[in-house]
Amino acid sequence: MTSPYTAPQPPRPVPRWTRKRYALPALGLAFLIGLGAGFGSDSKADDARPASATPQPTATVTATMTATAEAEPAPTVTETV
């Protein structure tokens, strides 16, 4: 029973081992579910079928650049005293 004349007590800090008690099994379970999902997929069924190799037309684009004018050199500046 609580007394109305006393201040409320602050909550007790949770020890670290109690957090590990829930976090580590949860991480282990997630790891095992991931392994099951990875090994459970049937990827060999996709590899057994040969790929259909029908020739397709391809488009080749070539670009050429022609130089029409050469750049003029910058004028030289001479300084006299």
N, C-alpha and C. Protein backbone atom coordinates (compact mmCIF):
# COMPACT_ATOMS: atom_id res chain seq x y z
N MET A 1 0.84 -1.17 0.00
CA MET A 1 0.00 0.00 0.00
C MET A 1 0.89 1.24 0.00
N THR A 2 0.52 2.21 -0.80
CA THR A 2 1.34 3.42 -0.89
C THR A 2 0.75 4.50 0.00
N SER A 3 1.64 5.30 0.49
CA SER A 3 1.23 6.40 1.36
C SER A 3 1.16 7.66 0.52
N PRO A 4 0.15 8.49 0.70
CA PRO A 4 0.07 9.73 -0.07
C PRO A 4 1.08 10.77 0.39
N TYR A 5 1.79 10.51 1.50
CA TYR A 5 2.71 11.50 2.05
C TYR A 5 4.16 11.25 1.65
N THR A 6 4.44 10.20 0.94
CA THR A 6 5.82 9.92 0.52
C THR A 6 5.94 10.12 -0.99
N ALA A 7 7.14 10.46 -1.42
CA ALA A 7 7.39 10.67 -2.84
C ALA A 7 7.44 9.31 -3.55
N PRO A 8 7.02 9.27 -4.78
CA PRO A 8 7.08 8.00 -5.51
C PRO A 8 8.53 7.58 -5.74
N GLN A 9 8.77 6.31 -5.67
CA GLN A 9 10.12 5.78 -5.85
C GLN A 9 10.43 5.69 -7.34
N PRO A 10 11.67 6.04 -7.72
CA PRO A 10 12.03 5.91 -9.14
C PRO A 10 12.10 4.43 -9.52
N PRO A 11 11.85 4.12 -10.79
CA PRO A 11 11.91 2.71 -11.20
C PRO A 11 13.33 2.17 -11.08
N ARG A 12 13.40 0.90 -10.76
CA ARG A 12 14.72 0.28 -10.61
C ARG A 12 15.35 0.11 -11.99
N PRO A 13 16.65 0.31 -12.09
CA PRO A 13 17.31 0.10 -13.38
C PRO A 13 17.32 -1.39 -13.73
N VAL A 14 17.15 -1.68 -14.99
CA VAL A 14 17.10 -3.06 -15.45
C VAL A 14 18.53 -3.54 -15.66
N PRO A 15 18.90 -4.67 -15.06
CA PRO A 15 20.26 -5.18 -15.28
C PRO A 15 20.47 -5.58 -16.74
N ARG A 16 21.73 -5.54 -17.18
CA ARG A 16 22.04 -5.85 -18.57
C ARG A 16 21.74 -7.30 -18.93
N TRP A 17 21.89 -8.21 -18.01
CA TRP A 17 21.70 -9.62 -18.34
C TRP A 17 20.24 -9.91 -18.69
N THR A 18 19.30 -9.09 -18.18
CA THR A 18 17.89 -9.33 -18.52
C THR A 18 17.62 -8.92 -19.97
N ARG A 19 18.32 -7.88 -20.45
CA ARG A 19 18.15 -7.50 -21.85
C ARG A 19 18.73 -8.57 -22.76
N LYS A 20 19.84 -9.15 -22.35
CA LYS A 20 20.46 -10.20 -23.15
C LYS A 20 19.59 -11.46 -23.16
N ARG A 21 18.84 -11.64 -22.12
CA ARG A 21 18.00 -12.83 -22.03
C ARG A 21 16.94 -12.83 -23.13
N TYR A 22 16.53 -11.67 -23.60
CA TYR A 22 15.55 -11.59 -24.67
C TYR A 22 16.19 -11.31 -26.02
N ALA A 23 17.25 -10.51 -26.05
CA ALA A 23 17.83 -10.09 -27.32
C ALA A 23 18.59 -11.22 -28.00
N LEU A 24 19.40 -11.96 -27.27
CA LEU A 24 20.20 -13.02 -27.89
C LEU A 24 19.35 -14.15 -28.48
N PRO A 25 18.34 -14.66 -27.77
CA PRO A 25 17.50 -15.67 -28.43
C PRO A 25 16.74 -15.13 -29.64
N ALA A 26 16.33 -13.87 -29.60
CA ALA A 26 15.63 -13.29 -30.75
C ALA A 26 16.56 -13.19 -31.95
N LEU A 27 17.82 -12.80 -31.73
CA LEU A 27 18.78 -12.74 -32.82
C LEU A 27 19.09 -14.13 -33.35
N GLY A 28 19.20 -15.10 -32.47
CA GLY A 28 19.45 -16.48 -32.90
C GLY A 28 18.30 -17.01 -33.74
N LEU A 29 17.08 -16.72 -33.34
CA LEU A 29 15.91 -17.16 -34.09
C LEU A 29 15.87 -16.50 -35.47
N ALA A 30 16.18 -15.22 -35.52
CA ALA A 30 16.20 -14.53 -36.81
C ALA A 30 17.28 -15.11 -37.72
N PHE A 31 18.42 -15.47 -37.15
CA PHE A 31 19.50 -16.08 -37.94
C PHE A 31 19.06 -17.42 -38.50
N LEU A 32 18.40 -18.23 -37.70
CA LEU A 32 17.95 -19.53 -38.17
C LEU A 32 16.85 -19.40 -39.23
N ILE A 33 15.99 -18.43 -39.08
CA ILE A 33 14.95 -18.21 -40.10
C ILE A 33 15.60 -17.77 -41.41
N GLY A 34 16.63 -16.94 -41.32
CA GLY A 34 17.35 -16.52 -42.53
C GLY A 34 18.05 -17.68 -43.21
N LEU A 35 18.65 -18.56 -42.41
CA LEU A 35 19.28 -19.74 -43.00
C LEU A 35 18.25 -20.63 -43.68
N GLY A 36 17.12 -20.82 -43.05
CA GLY A 36 16.07 -21.64 -43.64
C GLY A 36 15.55 -21.04 -44.93
N ALA A 37 15.43 -19.74 -44.98
CA ALA A 37 14.96 -19.09 -46.20
C ALA A 37 15.99 -19.20 -47.31
N GLY A 38 17.27 -19.12 -46.94
CA GLY A 38 18.32 -19.21 -47.95
C GLY A 38 18.47 -20.61 -48.52
N PHE A 39 18.42 -21.61 -47.66
CA PHE A 39 18.58 -22.98 -48.13
C PHE A 39 17.27 -23.55 -48.66
N GLY A 40 16.18 -22.95 -48.32
CA GLY A 40 14.89 -23.46 -48.75
C GLY A 40 14.54 -23.09 -50.18
N SER A 41 15.20 -22.08 -50.73
CA SER A 41 14.86 -21.69 -52.10
C SER A 41 15.42 -22.73 -53.07
N ASP A 42 14.65 -23.01 -54.10
CA ASP A 42 15.03 -24.03 -55.07
C ASP A 42 15.63 -23.34 -56.29
N SER A 43 16.87 -22.90 -56.20
CA SER A 43 17.50 -22.18 -57.30
C SER A 43 18.01 -23.13 -58.37
N LYS A 44 18.17 -24.43 -58.08
CA LYS A 44 18.66 -25.37 -59.08
C LYS A 44 17.62 -25.64 -60.15
N ALA A 45 16.36 -25.47 -59.85
CA ALA A 45 15.31 -25.67 -60.85
C ALA A 45 15.43 -24.63 -61.95
N ASP A 46 15.83 -23.41 -61.61
CA ASP A 46 15.99 -22.37 -62.61
C ASP A 46 17.23 -22.61 -63.46
N ASP A 47 18.28 -23.17 -62.87
CA ASP A 47 19.51 -23.41 -63.61
C ASP A 47 19.39 -24.58 -64.58
N ALA A 48 18.47 -25.49 -64.36
CA ALA A 48 18.36 -26.68 -65.19
C ALA A 48 17.75 -26.37 -66.55
N ARG A 49 16.95 -25.34 -66.66
CA ARG A 49 16.33 -25.00 -67.93
C ARG A 49 17.33 -24.27 -68.82
N PRO A 50 17.45 -24.68 -70.08
CA PRO A 50 18.35 -23.96 -70.98
C PRO A 50 17.74 -22.61 -71.36
N ALA A 51 18.59 -21.66 -71.54
CA ALA A 51 18.14 -20.34 -71.94
C ALA A 51 17.85 -20.34 -73.43
N SER A 52 16.79 -19.68 -73.83
CA SER A 52 16.46 -19.62 -75.25
C SER A 52 17.37 -18.58 -75.89
N ALA A 53 18.12 -19.03 -76.87
CA ALA A 53 19.07 -18.14 -77.53
C ALA A 53 18.61 -17.88 -78.95
N THR A 54 17.78 -16.89 -79.13
CA THR A 54 17.35 -16.50 -80.47
C THR A 54 18.07 -15.21 -80.82
N PRO A 55 18.61 -15.13 -82.02
CA PRO A 55 19.33 -13.92 -82.40
C PRO A 55 18.38 -12.72 -82.49
N GLN A 56 18.81 -11.63 -81.94
CA GLN A 56 18.03 -10.41 -81.95
C GLN A 56 18.81 -9.35 -82.72
N PRO A 57 18.14 -8.49 -83.44
CA PRO A 57 18.85 -7.40 -84.13
C PRO A 57 19.41 -6.41 -83.10
N THR A 58 20.59 -5.94 -83.38
CA THR A 58 21.22 -4.97 -82.48
C THR A 58 21.42 -3.67 -83.23
N ALA A 59 21.37 -2.59 -82.51
CA ALA A 59 21.58 -1.27 -83.08
C ALA A 59 22.94 -0.77 -82.64
N THR A 60 23.75 -0.33 -83.60
CA THR A 60 25.07 0.19 -83.29
C THR A 60 25.09 1.66 -83.67
N VAL A 61 25.47 2.50 -82.73
CA VAL A 61 25.51 3.93 -82.96
C VAL A 61 26.97 4.36 -82.88
N THR A 62 27.44 5.03 -83.95
CA THR A 62 28.81 5.55 -83.94
C THR A 62 28.74 7.05 -84.15
N ALA A 63 29.60 7.74 -83.47
CA ALA A 63 29.65 9.20 -83.60
C ALA A 63 31.07 9.59 -83.98
N THR A 64 31.19 10.48 -84.96
CA THR A 64 32.51 10.97 -85.37
C THR A 64 32.54 12.47 -85.17
N MET A 65 33.72 12.95 -84.84
CA MET A 65 33.88 14.38 -84.60
C MET A 65 34.87 14.92 -85.62
N THR A 66 34.49 15.96 -86.30
CA THR A 66 35.39 16.57 -87.28
C THR A 66 35.78 17.96 -86.79
N ALA A 67 37.07 18.25 -86.88
CA ALA A 67 37.56 19.56 -86.46
C ALA A 67 37.60 20.45 -87.69
N THR A 68 36.93 21.61 -87.65
CA THR A 68 36.88 22.50 -88.81
C THR A 68 37.79 23.69 -88.64
N ALA A 69 37.97 24.17 -87.44
CA ALA A 69 38.83 25.35 -87.24
C ALA A 69 39.75 25.09 -86.06
N GLU A 70 40.99 25.55 -86.22
CA GLU A 70 41.93 25.39 -85.12
C GLU A 70 41.83 26.61 -84.20
N ALA A 71 42.10 26.41 -82.96
CA ALA A 71 42.04 27.52 -82.01
C ALA A 71 43.25 28.42 -82.20
N GLU A 72 43.02 29.72 -82.15
CA GLU A 72 44.12 30.68 -82.31
C GLU A 72 44.84 30.84 -80.99
N PRO A 73 46.17 30.96 -81.03
CA PRO A 73 46.89 31.15 -79.78
C PRO A 73 46.59 32.53 -79.17
N ALA A 74 46.73 32.64 -77.89
CA ALA A 74 46.45 33.89 -77.19
C ALA A 74 47.55 34.89 -77.53
N PRO A 75 47.21 36.17 -77.65
CA PRO A 75 48.23 37.18 -77.99
C PRO A 75 49.22 37.34 -76.83
N THR A 76 50.47 37.59 -77.18
CA THR A 76 51.49 37.76 -76.15
C THR A 76 51.50 39.22 -75.71
N VAL A 77 51.75 39.43 -74.45
CA VAL A 77 51.75 40.79 -73.89
C VAL A 77 53.18 41.10 -73.50
N THR A 78 53.70 42.21 -74.01
CA THR A 78 55.05 42.65 -73.63
C THR A 78 54.92 43.89 -72.80
N GLU A 79 55.72 43.98 -71.79
CA GLU A 79 55.65 45.11 -70.87
C GLU A 79 56.95 45.90 -71.02
N THR A 80 56.84 47.19 -71.24
CA THR A 80 58.01 48.05 -71.36
C THR A 80 58.06 48.99 -70.20
N VAL A 81 59.30 49.32 -69.80
CA VAL A 81 59.47 50.22 -68.65
C VAL A 81 59.84 51.59 -69.10
